[in-house]
C-alpha atoms as a PDB file:
ATOM      1  CA  MET A   1     -20.170  -6.023  -8.995  1.00  0.00           C
ATOM      2  CA  ALA A   2     -23.416  -8.185  -8.450  1.00  0.00           C
ATOM      3  CA  TYR A   3     -25.818  -9.027 -11.079  1.00  0.00           C
ATOM      4  CA  SER A   4     -29.352 -10.563 -10.432  1.00  0.00           C
ATOM      5  CA  GLY A   5     -32.031 -11.074 -13.054  1.00  0.00           C
ATOM      6  CA  ASP A   6     -32.754 -13.400 -15.812  1.00  0.00           C
ATOM      7  CA  PRO A   7     -29.925 -16.011 -16.764  1.00  0.00           C
ATOM      8  CA  ILE A   8     -27.306 -14.137 -18.759  1.00  0.00           C
ATOM      9  CA  LEU A   9     -23.841 -15.056 -20.091  1.00  0.00           C
ATOM     10  CA  ILE A  10     -21.234 -14.284 -17.850  1.00  0.00           C
ATOM     11  CA  GLU A  11     -19.279 -12.987 -20.829  1.00  0.00           C
ATOM     12  CA  ASP A  12     -21.904 -10.249 -21.190  1.00  0.00           C
ATOM     13  CA  LEU A  13     -21.388  -9.111 -17.714  1.00  0.00           C
ATOM     14  CA  LEU A  14     -17.657  -9.189 -17.316  1.00  0.00           C
ATOM     15  CA  PHE A  15     -16.354  -8.332 -20.814  1.00  0.00           C
ATOM     16  CA  ARG A  16     -18.828  -6.389 -22.877  1.00  0.00           C
ATOM     17  CA  PRO A  17     -19.565  -3.225 -21.101  1.00  0.00           C
ATOM     18  CA  VAL A  18     -17.671  -0.131 -22.155  1.00  0.00           C
ATOM     19  CA  HIS A  19     -16.389   0.313 -18.579  1.00  0.00           C
ATOM     20  CA  SER A  20     -16.494  -3.748 -17.573  1.00  0.00           C
ATOM     21  CA  LEU A  21     -15.011  -5.002 -14.447  1.00  0.00           C
ATOM     22  CA  ILE A  22     -12.107  -6.439 -16.522  1.00  0.00           C
ATOM     23  CA  ASP A  23     -11.676  -2.725 -17.954  1.00  0.00           C
ATOM     24  CA  GLN A  24     -11.853  -1.289 -14.115  1.00  0.00           C
ATOM     25  CA  SER A  25      -9.344  -3.909 -13.265  1.00  0.00           C
ATOM     26  CA  LEU A  26      -6.691  -1.947 -15.385  1.00  0.00           C
ATOM     27  CA  HIS A  27      -8.286   1.513 -15.406  1.00  0.00           C
ATOM     28  CA  SER A  28     -10.162   2.171 -12.238  1.00  0.00           C
ATOM     29  CA  ARG A  29     -11.638   5.844 -12.115  1.00  0.00           C
ATOM     30  CA  MET A  30     -12.971   5.779  -8.500  1.00  0.00           C
ATOM     31  CA  GLY A  31     -10.942   3.133  -6.703  1.00  0.00           C
ATOM     32  CA  ALA A  32      -8.288   3.507  -4.109  1.00  0.00           C
ATOM     33  CA  THR A  33      -5.705   2.309  -6.890  1.00  0.00           C
ATOM     34  CA  THR A  34      -5.929   2.505 -10.680  1.00  0.00           C
ATOM     35  CA  THR A  35      -5.109  -1.013 -11.158  1.00  0.00           C
ATOM     36  CA  ASN A  36      -6.522  -4.000  -9.359  1.00  0.00           C
ATOM     37  CA  GLY A  37      -4.088  -6.915 -10.395  1.00  0.00           C
ATOM     38  CA  ASP A  38      -3.751  -8.976  -7.283  1.00  0.00           C
ATOM     39  CA  GLY A  39      -6.065 -11.766  -8.464  1.00  0.00           C
ATOM     40  CA  PHE A  40     -10.111 -11.905  -9.084  1.00  0.00           C
ATOM     41  CA  GLY A  41     -12.820 -14.117  -8.316  1.00  0.00           C
ATOM     42  CA  ILE A  42     -16.335 -14.778  -9.448  1.00  0.00           C
ATOM     43  CA  GLY A  43     -19.140 -16.701  -7.790  1.00  0.00           C
ATOM     44  CA  TRP A  44     -22.401 -17.640  -9.461  1.00  0.00           C
ATOM     45  CA  TYR A  45     -25.328 -19.645  -8.871  1.00  0.00           C
ATOM     46  CA  GLY A  46     -26.616 -22.490 -11.290  1.00  0.00           C
ATOM     47  CA  ASP A  47     -28.216 -25.909 -10.883  1.00  0.00           C
ATOM     48  CA  GLY A  48     -25.968 -27.177  -7.783  1.00  0.00           C
ATOM     49  CA  PRO A  49     -26.730 -26.761  -4.178  1.00  0.00           C
ATOM     50  CA  ALA A  50     -24.356 -24.098  -3.552  1.00  0.00           C
ATOM     51  CA  PRO A  51     -22.866 -21.447  -5.668  1.00  0.00           C
ATOM     52  CA  ALA A  52     -19.707 -22.169  -7.705  1.00  0.00           C
ATOM     53  CA  LEU A  53     -16.473 -20.111  -7.490  1.00  0.00           C
ATOM     54  CA  PHE A  54     -13.640 -19.408  -9.861  1.00  0.00           C
ATOM     55  CA  LYS A  55     -10.775 -17.629  -8.497  1.00  0.00           C
ATOM     56  CA  CYS A  56      -7.193 -16.990  -9.766  1.00  0.00           C
ATOM     57  CA  ILE A  57      -4.190 -15.073  -8.500  1.00  0.00           C
ATOM     58  CA  GLU A  58      -3.546 -13.890 -12.362  1.00  0.00           C
ATOM     59  CA  PRO A  59      -4.839 -10.318 -13.228  1.00  0.00           C
ATOM     60  CA  ALA A  60      -8.496 -10.566 -14.419  1.00  0.00           C
ATOM     61  CA  TRP A  61      -7.347  -8.916 -17.741  1.00  0.00           C
ATOM     62  CA  ASN A  62      -4.834 -11.727 -18.461  1.00  0.00           C
ATOM     63  CA  GLU A  63      -6.562 -14.842 -17.485  1.00  0.00           C
ATOM     64  CA  ARG A  64      -7.627 -16.766 -20.625  1.00  0.00           C
ATOM     65  CA  ASN A  65      -9.667 -19.421 -18.725  1.00  0.00           C
ATOM     66  CA  LEU A  66     -11.953 -16.572 -17.420  1.00  0.00           C
ATOM     67  CA  GLN A  67     -12.629 -15.818 -20.881  1.00  0.00           C
ATOM     68  CA  GLU A  68     -13.213 -19.302 -22.007  1.00  0.00           C
ATOM     69  CA  ILE A  69     -15.663 -20.251 -19.296  1.00  0.00           C
ATOM     70  CA  SER A  70     -17.528 -16.759 -19.323  1.00  0.00           C
ATOM     71  CA  ARG A  71     -18.644 -17.654 -23.005  1.00  0.00           C
ATOM     72  CA  GLN A  72     -20.357 -20.744 -21.651  1.00  0.00           C
ATOM     73  CA  ILE A  73     -21.906 -20.111 -18.449  1.00  0.00           C
ATOM     74  CA  ARG A  74     -25.217 -18.580 -17.847  1.00  0.00           C
ATOM     75  CA  THR A  75     -26.301 -17.506 -14.436  1.00  0.00           C
ATOM     76  CA  PRO A  76     -29.165 -15.440 -12.862  1.00  0.00           C
ATOM     77  CA  LEU A  77     -27.043 -14.218  -9.959  1.00  0.00           C
ATOM     78  CA  MET A  78     -23.304 -13.567 -10.142  1.00  0.00           C
ATOM     79  CA  PHE A  79     -20.683 -11.794  -7.800  1.00  0.00           C
ATOM     80  CA  ALA A  80     -17.359 -10.613  -9.329  1.00  0.00           C
ATOM     81  CA  HIS A  81     -14.543  -8.921  -7.678  1.00  0.00           C
ATOM     82  CA  VAL A  82     -10.999  -7.781  -8.756  1.00  0.00           C
ATOM     83  CA  ARG A  83      -8.401  -7.584  -5.998  1.00  0.00           C
ATOM     84  CA  ALA A  84      -5.719  -4.965  -4.846  1.00  0.00           C
ATOM     85  CA  SER A  85      -4.122  -6.339  -1.921  1.00  0.00           C
ATOM     86  CA  THR A  86      -4.003  -4.125   1.282  1.00  0.00           C
ATOM     87  CA  GLY A  87      -1.090  -6.196   2.659  1.00  0.00           C
ATOM     88  CA  THR A  88      -2.238  -9.833   2.833  1.00  0.00           C
ATOM     89  CA  PRO A  89      -0.677 -12.427   0.712  1.00  0.00           C
ATOM     90  CA  VAL A  90      -1.719 -12.716  -3.018  1.00  0.00           C
ATOM     91  CA  GLN A  91      -3.130 -16.203  -2.743  1.00  0.00           C
ATOM     92  CA  ARG A  92      -6.317 -17.797  -4.154  1.00  0.00           C
ATOM     93  CA  SER A  93      -7.805 -18.200  -0.841  1.00  0.00           C
ATOM     94  CA  ASN A  94      -7.504 -14.409  -0.264  1.00  0.00           C
ATOM     95  CA  CYS A  95      -9.576 -13.721  -3.361  1.00  0.00           C
ATOM     96  CA  HIS A  96     -13.034 -12.759  -3.328  1.00  0.00           C
ATOM     97  CA  PRO A  97     -16.046 -13.768  -3.272  1.00  0.00           C
ATOM     98  CA  PHE A  98     -15.900 -16.006  -0.090  1.00  0.00           C
ATOM     99  CA  ARG A  99     -18.400 -18.697   0.246  1.00  0.00           C
ATOM    100  CA  HIS A 100     -20.200 -20.205   3.226  1.00  0.00           C
ATOM    101  CA  GLY A 101     -23.062 -22.656   2.597  1.00  0.00           C
ATOM    102  CA  ASN A 102     -25.321 -20.804  -0.110  1.00  0.00           C
ATOM    103  CA  TRP A 103     -23.856 -17.548   0.786  1.00  0.00           C
ATOM    104  CA  LEU A 104     -21.298 -15.412  -0.981  1.00  0.00           C
ATOM    105  CA  TRP A 105     -19.565 -12.232   0.439  1.00  0.00           C
ATOM    106  CA  MET A 106     -17.459  -9.649  -1.161  1.00  0.00           C
ATOM    107  CA  HIS A 107     -15.867  -6.729   0.678  1.00  0.00           C
ATOM    108  CA  ASN A 108     -14.017  -3.353  -0.878  1.00  0.00           C
ATOM    109  CA  GLY A 109     -12.169  -1.492   1.576  1.00  0.00           C
ATOM    110  CA  ALA A 110      -9.864  -2.337   4.420  1.00  0.00           C
ATOM    111  CA  LEU A 111      -9.934  -2.923   8.200  1.00  0.00           C
ATOM    112  CA  ARG A 112      -7.290  -0.629   9.110  1.00  0.00           C
ATOM    113  CA  GLY A 113      -4.794  -2.010  11.690  1.00  0.00           C
ATOM    114  CA  PHE A 114      -5.828  -5.363  10.883  1.00  0.00           C
ATOM    115  CA  SER A 115      -2.736  -6.848  12.157  1.00  0.00           C
ATOM    116  CA  GLU A 116      -3.230  -5.341  15.588  1.00  0.00           C
ATOM    117  CA  MET A 117      -6.798  -6.356  15.749  1.00  0.00           C
ATOM    118  CA  LYS A 118      -6.610  -9.654  14.064  1.00  0.00           C
ATOM    119  CA  ARG A 119      -6.190 -11.910  17.142  1.00  0.00           C
ATOM    120  CA  ASP A 120      -9.223 -10.329  19.025  1.00  0.00           C
ATOM    121  CA  LEU A 121     -11.447 -10.398  15.797  1.00  0.00           C
ATOM    122  CA  ALA A 122     -10.405 -14.210  14.946  1.00  0.00           C
ATOM    123  CA  MET A 123     -11.322 -15.232  18.820  1.00  0.00           C
ATOM    124  CA  ALA A 124     -14.840 -13.588  18.393  1.00  0.00           C
ATOM    125  CA  VAL A 125     -15.624 -16.037  15.464  1.00  0.00           C
ATOM    126  CA  ASP A 126     -17.812 -18.945  16.519  1.00  0.00           C
ATOM    127  CA  PRO A 127     -15.466 -22.023  17.031  1.00  0.00           C
ATOM    128  CA  SER A 128     -17.977 -24.196  14.695  1.00  0.00           C
ATOM    129  CA  LEU A 129     -17.169 -21.476  11.877  1.00  0.00           C
ATOM    130  CA  TYR A 130     -13.374 -20.721  12.590  1.00  0.00           C
ATOM    131  CA  SER A 131     -12.004 -23.887  10.968  1.00  0.00           C
ATOM    132  CA  GLN A 132     -13.635 -22.973   7.614  1.00  0.00           C
ATOM    133  CA  ILE A 133     -11.678 -19.741   7.255  1.00  0.00           C
ATOM    134  CA  GLU A 134      -9.574 -20.540   4.417  1.00  0.00           C
ATOM    135  CA  GLY A 135      -7.415 -17.151   3.803  1.00  0.00           C
ATOM    136  CA  SER A 136      -5.688 -14.441   5.816  1.00  0.00           C
ATOM    137  CA  THR A 137      -7.614 -11.418   4.914  1.00  0.00           C
ATOM    138  CA  ASP A 138      -9.544  -8.955   6.978  1.00  0.00           C
ATOM    139  CA  SER A 139     -12.584  -8.992   4.518  1.00  0.00           C
ATOM    140  CA  GLU A 140     -12.889 -12.840   5.220  1.00  0.00           C
ATOM    141  CA  THR A 141     -12.655 -12.326   8.716  1.00  0.00           C
ATOM    142  CA  LEU A 142     -15.395  -9.703   8.644  1.00  0.00           C
ATOM    143  CA  PHE A 143     -17.562 -12.384   6.751  1.00  0.00           C
ATOM    144  CA  PHE A 144     -17.124 -14.928   9.528  1.00  0.00           C
ATOM    145  CA  LEU A 145     -17.698 -12.334  12.060  1.00  0.00           C
ATOM    146  CA  ALA A 146     -21.059 -11.509  10.329  1.00  0.00           C
ATOM    147  CA  LEU A 147     -21.910 -15.240  10.102  1.00  0.00           C
ATOM    148  CA  THR A 148     -21.285 -15.461  13.889  1.00  0.00           C
ATOM    149  CA  PHE A 149     -23.589 -12.594  14.604  1.00  0.00           C
ATOM    150  CA  GLY A 150     -26.454 -14.261  12.602  1.00  0.00           C
ATOM    151  CA  LEU A 151     -26.109 -13.294   8.926  1.00  0.00           C
ATOM    152  CA  THR A 152     -28.019 -16.206   7.503  1.00  0.00           C
ATOM    153  CA  ASP A 153     -31.069 -15.020   9.896  1.00  0.00           C
ATOM    154  CA  ASP A 154     -30.932 -11.136   9.663  1.00  0.00           C
ATOM    155  CA  PRO A 155     -28.085  -9.717   7.285  1.00  0.00           C
ATOM    156  CA  LEU A 156     -28.570  -6.091   8.202  1.00  0.00           C
ATOM    157  CA  THR A 157     -28.403  -6.655  12.031  1.00  0.00           C
ATOM    158  CA  ALA A 158     -25.559  -9.055  11.742  1.00  0.00           C
ATOM    159  CA  VAL A 159     -23.502  -6.817   9.452  1.00  0.00           C
ATOM    160  CA  ALA A 160     -24.175  -4.050  11.725  1.00  0.00           C
ATOM    161  CA  ARG A 161     -22.963  -6.067  14.723  1.00  0.00           C
ATOM    162  CA  ALA A 162     -19.898  -7.125  13.040  1.00  0.00           C
ATOM    163  CA  VAL A 163     -18.892  -3.743  12.038  1.00  0.00           C
ATOM    164  CA  GLY A 164     -19.679  -2.560  15.656  1.00  0.00           C
ATOM    165  CA  TYR A 165     -17.333  -5.073  16.890  1.00  0.00           C
ATOM    166  CA  VAL A 166     -14.425  -3.993  14.653  1.00  0.00           C
ATOM    167  CA  GLU A 167     -14.997  -0.545  15.620  1.00  0.00           C
ATOM    168  CA  ASP A 168     -14.914  -1.521  19.424  1.00  0.00           C
ATOM    169  CA  VAL A 169     -11.903  -3.704  18.794  1.00  0.00           C
ATOM    170  CA  GLY A 170     -10.250  -0.807  16.945  1.00  0.00           C
ATOM    171  CA  ALA A 171     -10.852   1.637  19.457  1.00  0.00           C
ATOM    172  CA  ARG A 172      -9.112  -0.725  22.335  1.00  0.00           C
ATOM    173  CA  HIS A 173      -5.991  -1.059  20.125  1.00  0.00           C
ATOM    174  CA  GLY A 174      -5.798   2.691  19.364  1.00  0.00           C
ATOM    175  CA  VAL A 175      -6.850   2.264  15.635  1.00  0.00           C
ATOM    176  CA  GLU A 176      -8.072   5.548  13.957  1.00  0.00           C
ATOM    177  CA  ASN A 177     -10.877   4.944  11.568  1.00  0.00           C
ATOM    178  CA  PRO A 178     -10.718   0.878  11.639  1.00  0.00           C
ATOM    179  CA  VAL A 179     -13.637   0.180   9.138  1.00  0.00           C
ATOM    180  CA  GLN A 180     -13.704   1.096   5.216  1.00  0.00           C
ATOM    181  CA  ALA A 181     -16.323  -1.025   3.470  1.00  0.00           C
ATOM    182  CA  THR A 182     -18.676  -1.568   0.771  1.00  0.00           C
ATOM    183  CA  ILE A 183     -19.843  -4.748   1.144  1.00  0.00           C
ATOM    184  CA  ALA A 184     -22.137  -7.180  -0.832  1.00  0.00           C
ATOM    185  CA  THR A 185     -23.789 -10.604   0.231  1.00  0.00           C
ATOM    186  CA  THR A 186     -26.175 -12.853  -1.033  1.00  0.00           C
ATOM    187  CA  ASP A 187     -27.941 -16.055  -0.076  1.00  0.00           C
ATOM    188  CA  GLY A 188     -28.723 -16.660  -3.915  1.00  0.00           C
ATOM    189  CA  VAL A 189     -32.279 -14.945  -3.831  1.00  0.00           C
ATOM    190  CA  SER A 190     -31.783 -11.438  -2.381  1.00  0.00           C
ATOM    191  CA  VAL A 191     -28.683  -9.314  -2.254  1.00  0.00           C
ATOM    192  CA  TRP A 192     -27.814  -7.164   0.755  1.00  0.00           C
ATOM    193  CA  ILE A 193     -25.253  -4.259   0.076  1.00  0.00           C
ATOM    194  CA  PHE A 194     -23.736  -1.652   2.387  1.00  0.00           C
ATOM    195  CA  ARG A 195     -21.641   1.483   2.358  1.00  0.00           C
ATOM    196  CA  TYR A 196     -20.044   2.641   5.693  1.00  0.00           C
ATOM    197  CA  SER A 197     -16.730   3.619   6.763  1.00  0.00           C
ATOM    198  CA  THR A 198     -15.798   4.988  10.382  1.00  0.00           C
ATOM    199  CA  GLU A 199     -14.392   8.336   8.858  1.00  0.00           C
ATOM    200  CA  GLN A 200     -17.628   8.768   6.796  1.00  0.00           C
ATOM    201  CA  GLN A 201     -15.553   8.837   3.620  1.00  0.00           C
ATOM    202  CA  THR A 202     -16.430   5.313   1.966  1.00  0.00           C
ATOM    203  CA  ARG A 203     -15.583   4.057  -1.290  1.00  0.00           C
ATOM    204  CA  SER A 204     -18.032   4.441  -4.201  1.00  0.00           C
ATOM    205  CA  LEU A 205     -21.063   2.065  -4.713  1.00  0.00           C
ATOM    206  CA  PHE A 206     -23.819   2.433  -7.004  1.00  0.00           C
ATOM    207  CA  PHE A 207     -27.064   0.497  -7.954  1.00  0.00           C
ATOM    208  CA  SER A 208     -28.858   0.319 -11.247  1.00  0.00           C
ATOM    209  CA  THR A 209     -32.164   1.928 -11.981  1.00  0.00           C
ATOM    210  CA  ALA A 210     -35.166   0.002 -12.874  1.00  0.00           C
ATOM    211  CA  ILE A 211     -34.263  -1.548 -16.322  1.00  0.00           C
ATOM    212  CA  ALA A 212     -37.648  -0.441 -17.881  1.00  0.00           C
ATOM    213  CA  LYS A 213     -36.972   3.216 -16.853  1.00  0.00           C
ATOM    214  CA  VAL A 214     -33.501   3.073 -18.391  1.00  0.00           C
ATOM    215  CA  ARG A 215     -34.841   1.483 -21.477  1.00  0.00           C
ATOM    216  CA  ALA A 216     -37.303   4.454 -21.801  1.00  0.00           C
ATOM    217  CA  LEU A 217     -34.638   6.961 -21.363  1.00  0.00           C
ATOM    218  CA  HIS A 218     -32.068   5.287 -23.560  1.00  0.00           C
ATOM    219  CA  PRO A 219     -34.129   3.197 -26.436  1.00  0.00           C
ATOM    220  CA  GLU A 220     -30.967   3.457 -28.711  1.00  0.00           C
ATOM    221  CA  VAL A 221     -28.933   1.111 -26.443  1.00  0.00           C
ATOM    222  CA  GLU A 222     -29.440  -2.512 -27.789  1.00  0.00           C
ATOM    223  CA  ALA A 223     -28.137  -4.120 -24.946  1.00  0.00           C
ATOM    224  CA  LEU A 224     -30.847  -2.895 -22.641  1.00  0.00           C
ATOM    225  CA  HIS A 225     -33.665  -4.835 -24.782  1.00  0.00           C
ATOM    226  CA  GLY A 226     -32.088  -8.126 -23.932  1.00  0.00           C
ATOM    227  CA  LEU A 227     -32.281  -7.467 -20.062  1.00  0.00           C
ATOM    228  CA  GLY A 228     -35.553  -8.646 -17.984  1.00  0.00           C
ATOM    229  CA  ASP A 229     -37.413  -6.068 -16.021  1.00  0.00           C
ATOM    230  CA  GLU A 230     -36.200  -7.642 -12.823  1.00  0.00           C
ATOM    231  CA  THR A 231     -32.557  -6.935 -13.663  1.00  0.00           C
ATOM    232  CA  ARG A 232     -30.139  -5.278 -10.929  1.00  0.00           C
ATOM    233  CA  PHE A 233     -26.718  -4.532 -10.998  1.00  0.00           C
ATOM    234  CA  VAL A 234     -24.462  -3.432  -8.042  1.00  0.00           C
ATOM    235  CA  VAL A 235     -21.139  -1.795  -9.183  1.00  0.00           C
ATOM    236  CA  SER A 236     -18.308   0.266  -7.520  1.00  0.00           C
ATOM    237  CA  GLU A 237     -18.103   2.301 -10.778  1.00  0.00           C
ATOM    238  CA  PRO A 238     -20.846   2.423 -13.598  1.00  0.00           C
ATOM    239  CA  LEU A 239     -20.321   0.108 -16.448  1.00  0.00           C
ATOM    240  CA  ARG A 240     -21.088   2.954 -18.926  1.00  0.00           C
ATOM    241  CA  ASP A 241     -22.162   6.289 -18.763  1.00  0.00           C
ATOM    242  CA  LEU A 242     -25.884   6.393 -19.363  1.00  0.00           C
ATOM    243  CA  GLU A 243     -27.609   9.357 -17.623  1.00  0.00           C
ATOM    244  CA  GLY A 244     -30.410   8.104 -14.936  1.00  0.00           C
ATOM    245  CA  ALA A 245     -29.011   4.682 -15.030  1.00  0.00           C
ATOM    246  CA  TRP A 246     -27.077   4.717 -11.947  1.00  0.00           C
ATOM    247  CA  ASN A 247     -27.860   5.629  -8.272  1.00  0.00           C
ATOM    248  CA  GLU A 248     -25.210   6.205  -5.786  1.00  0.00           C
ATOM    249  CA  VAL A 249     -25.711   4.449  -2.488  1.00  0.00           C
ATOM    250  CA  PRO A 250     -25.689   7.310  -0.030  1.00  0.00           C
ATOM    251  CA  GLU A 251     -22.995   7.366   2.852  1.00  0.00           C
ATOM    252  CA  SER A 252     -23.925   5.076   5.929  1.00  0.00           C
ATOM    253  CA  TYR A 253     -26.735   3.223   4.068  1.00  0.00           C
ATOM    254  CA  ALA A 254     -27.646  -0.308   3.154  1.00  0.00           C
ATOM    255  CA  ALA A 255     -29.994  -1.816   0.716  1.00  0.00           C
ATOM    256  CA  VAL A 256     -31.839  -4.964  -0.082  1.00  0.00           C
ATOM    257  CA  ILE A 257     -32.151  -5.983  -3.909  1.00  0.00           C
ATOM    258  CA  ARG A 258     -34.653  -8.764  -4.648  1.00  0.00           C
ATOM    259  CA  PRO A 259     -37.254  -9.313  -7.095  1.00  0.00           C
ATOM    260  CA  GLY A 260     -39.925  -6.608  -6.705  1.00  0.00           C
ATOM    261  CA  GLU A 261     -39.413  -3.544  -4.921  1.00  0.00           C
ATOM    262  CA  ASP A 262     -35.783  -2.790  -3.504  1.00  0.00           C
ATOM    263  CA  GLU A 263     -35.455  -1.431   0.018  1.00  0.00           C
ATOM    264  CA  ILE A 264     -32.808   1.377   1.135  1.00  0.00           C
ATOM    265  CA  ARG A 265     -32.334   2.391   4.855  1.00  0.00           C
ATOM    266  CA  PRO A 266     -29.619   4.072   6.920  1.00  0.00           C
ATOM    267  CA  PHE A 267     -26.977   1.923   8.260  1.00  0.00           C
ATOM    268  CA  GLN A 268     -25.691   2.166  11.904  1.00  0.00           C
ATOM    269  CA  PRO A 269     -23.190  -0.280  13.536  1.00  0.00           C
ATOM    270  CA  VAL A 270     -24.291  -1.804  16.622  1.00  0.00           C
ATOM    271  CA  SER A 271     -21.673  -1.723  19.332  1.00  0.00           C
ATOM    272  CA  PRO A 272     -21.097  -4.952  21.709  1.00  0.00           C
ATOM    273  CA  VAL A 273     -22.973  -5.005  24.975  1.00  0.00           C
ATOM    274  CA  ARG A 274     -20.434  -5.017  27.935  1.00  0.00           C
END
């Protein structure tokens, strides 16, 4: 999940909603697996020059330190992720979100055939960035490909080029439907989200309706009255069932979420030039 808005206690984001991310780690309704217990991570922006990270290989529902810090930290922008490994080791460096400078990155899904494609994908990462890869996941490799292709300058084009490159490598290795991805990335101000898979059957992704509209629809929900008008949520599964509160990102679409008007547009991978 991603949150952007007025500073808020992390506890209010992770633990209080009816179908919170902690609940989803045990009882996912829309994910590939019901349980996501192979670690978790949160990344948040505060007073420092770069976002902070807290990651652990324990299940999110069973980590008391997460409960402790979430009661004390307020943030205007947070990423949180619960992990179900697709084959790479359960270790801290493989937990999302991933960080580079002021950027955070999360990926839900998989690069199929990653073991066959890994060498070619890694060789495409800019040499100046390669040494900063800490883990062994397909998700972090995709992040560093996007950085290589210009994520910090033009996120939409960079992700399109990274996904296109993976599909091209997959085709050369005979991998069927190599990309399954919902992605969120941020520079601490804007949040970019993507929903795309080669097979056009992508995992779920939702963004919240403008809070003022949701308040008008559901004035009885007290939690809504404590949220600022610029509040935005991005989730794999709605945090609670409220009619009109959630919008599904269409298949093969991307969106930019920032203060003011959000932007949503079709997403198409860009194949490498030969």
